[in-house]
Amino acid sequence: MSDYVDRGTVRLSVDGAELMPENSINFAVYDRQSFETEALFIVPADASIITLLFGRPEDTVARLPLSLDLGARR
C-alpha cells in the first residue's frame, strides 16, 4: 500500500485555522517506508494554540500539539 504526501497532508492548525506549508512537499510513500521532509509555516507571533496535523482533511487526522515560545523572537 502507498500514499502520496503533499501540502494537503501536512498542515498546521493555528488557533483553529489550518495553514498549509509555504514550501512544496510532493512525494510518494510506500508500504513499510519512512520519510523525512521539512515543512515551512509562517506562524503569527500572537498564536496561542498550535497543532501539527497529518492526513487528508476528509480522513482521520493525527494531531500533534506543539508548544512554542515565540516571545524570545520578538
Protein backbone atom coordinates (compact mmCIF):
# COMPACT_ATOMS: atom_id res chain seq x y z
CA MET A 1 0.00 0.00 0.00
CA SER A 2 1.26 3.50 -0.73
CA ASP A 3 0.13 7.08 -0.37
CA TYR A 4 1.06 10.44 -1.77
CA VAL A 5 2.26 13.13 0.65
CA ASP A 6 1.73 16.75 -0.33
CA ARG A 7 0.91 20.14 1.17
CA GLY A 8 -2.62 18.92 1.93
CA THR A 9 -1.50 16.05 4.14
CA VAL A 10 0.90 18.03 6.36
CA ARG A 11 -0.77 21.11 7.84
CA LEU A 12 -0.65 23.30 10.90
CA SER A 13 -3.66 24.37 12.95
CA VAL A 14 -3.05 27.83 14.43
CA ASP A 15 -5.80 28.93 16.81
CA GLY A 16 -8.26 26.76 14.84
CA ALA A 17 -7.28 27.94 11.34
CA GLU A 18 -5.48 25.41 9.14
CA LEU A 19 -2.34 26.52 7.32
CA MET A 20 -0.60 24.68 4.50
CA PRO A 21 3.19 24.72 4.26
CA GLU A 22 4.75 27.63 2.40
CA ASN A 23 7.18 25.28 0.65
CA SER A 24 6.46 22.43 -1.76
CA ILE A 25 6.04 18.87 -0.44
CA ASN A 26 5.30 16.22 -3.08
CA PHE A 27 6.36 12.57 -2.93
CA ALA A 28 5.07 9.02 -2.70
CA VAL A 29 5.50 6.92 0.45
CA TYR A 30 5.34 3.15 0.04
CA ASP A 31 4.43 0.38 2.48
CA ARG A 32 6.99 -0.04 5.29
CA GLN A 33 8.85 3.08 4.21
CA SER A 34 9.55 6.15 6.28
CA PHE A 35 10.33 9.62 5.04
CA GLU A 36 11.80 12.84 6.26
CA THR A 37 10.90 16.29 5.00
CA GLU A 38 10.82 19.90 6.07
CA ALA A 39 7.65 21.97 6.09
CA LEU A 40 7.86 25.76 6.39
CA PHE A 41 5.00 27.50 8.19
CA ILE A 42 4.63 31.20 8.97
CA VAL A 43 3.07 31.44 12.43
CA PRO A 44 1.76 34.74 13.82
CA ALA A 45 3.66 35.91 16.91
CA ASP A 46 0.43 36.07 18.93
CA ALA A 47 -0.61 32.45 18.18
CA SER A 48 -1.65 30.53 21.27
CA ILE A 49 -2.77 27.03 20.21
CA ILE A 50 -0.65 25.27 17.58
CA THR A 51 -1.17 21.69 16.38
CA LEU A 52 0.63 19.79 13.62
CA LEU A 53 -1.89 17.83 11.50
CA PHE A 54 -1.10 14.70 9.46
CA GLY A 55 -3.52 13.15 6.97
CA ARG A 56 -6.06 14.35 4.48
CA PRO A 57 -8.80 16.64 5.87
CA GLU A 58 -11.55 14.21 4.79
CA ASP A 59 -9.88 11.26 6.58
CA THR A 60 -8.83 10.60 10.14
CA VAL A 61 -6.10 13.05 11.06
CA ALA A 62 -3.26 12.58 13.52
CA ARG A 63 -2.81 15.66 15.71
CA LEU A 64 0.42 16.59 17.46
CA PRO A 65 0.09 19.59 19.83
CA LEU A 66 3.13 21.88 19.75
CA SER A 67 4.44 24.13 22.48
CA LEU A 68 6.29 27.14 21.11
CA ASP A 69 7.83 30.06 22.94
CA LEU A 70 7.65 32.82 20.37
CA GLY A 71 8.28 35.53 22.98
CA ALA A 72 12.07 35.20 22.71
CA ARG A 73 11.96 36.05 18.97
CA ARG A 74 10.14 39.37 19.29
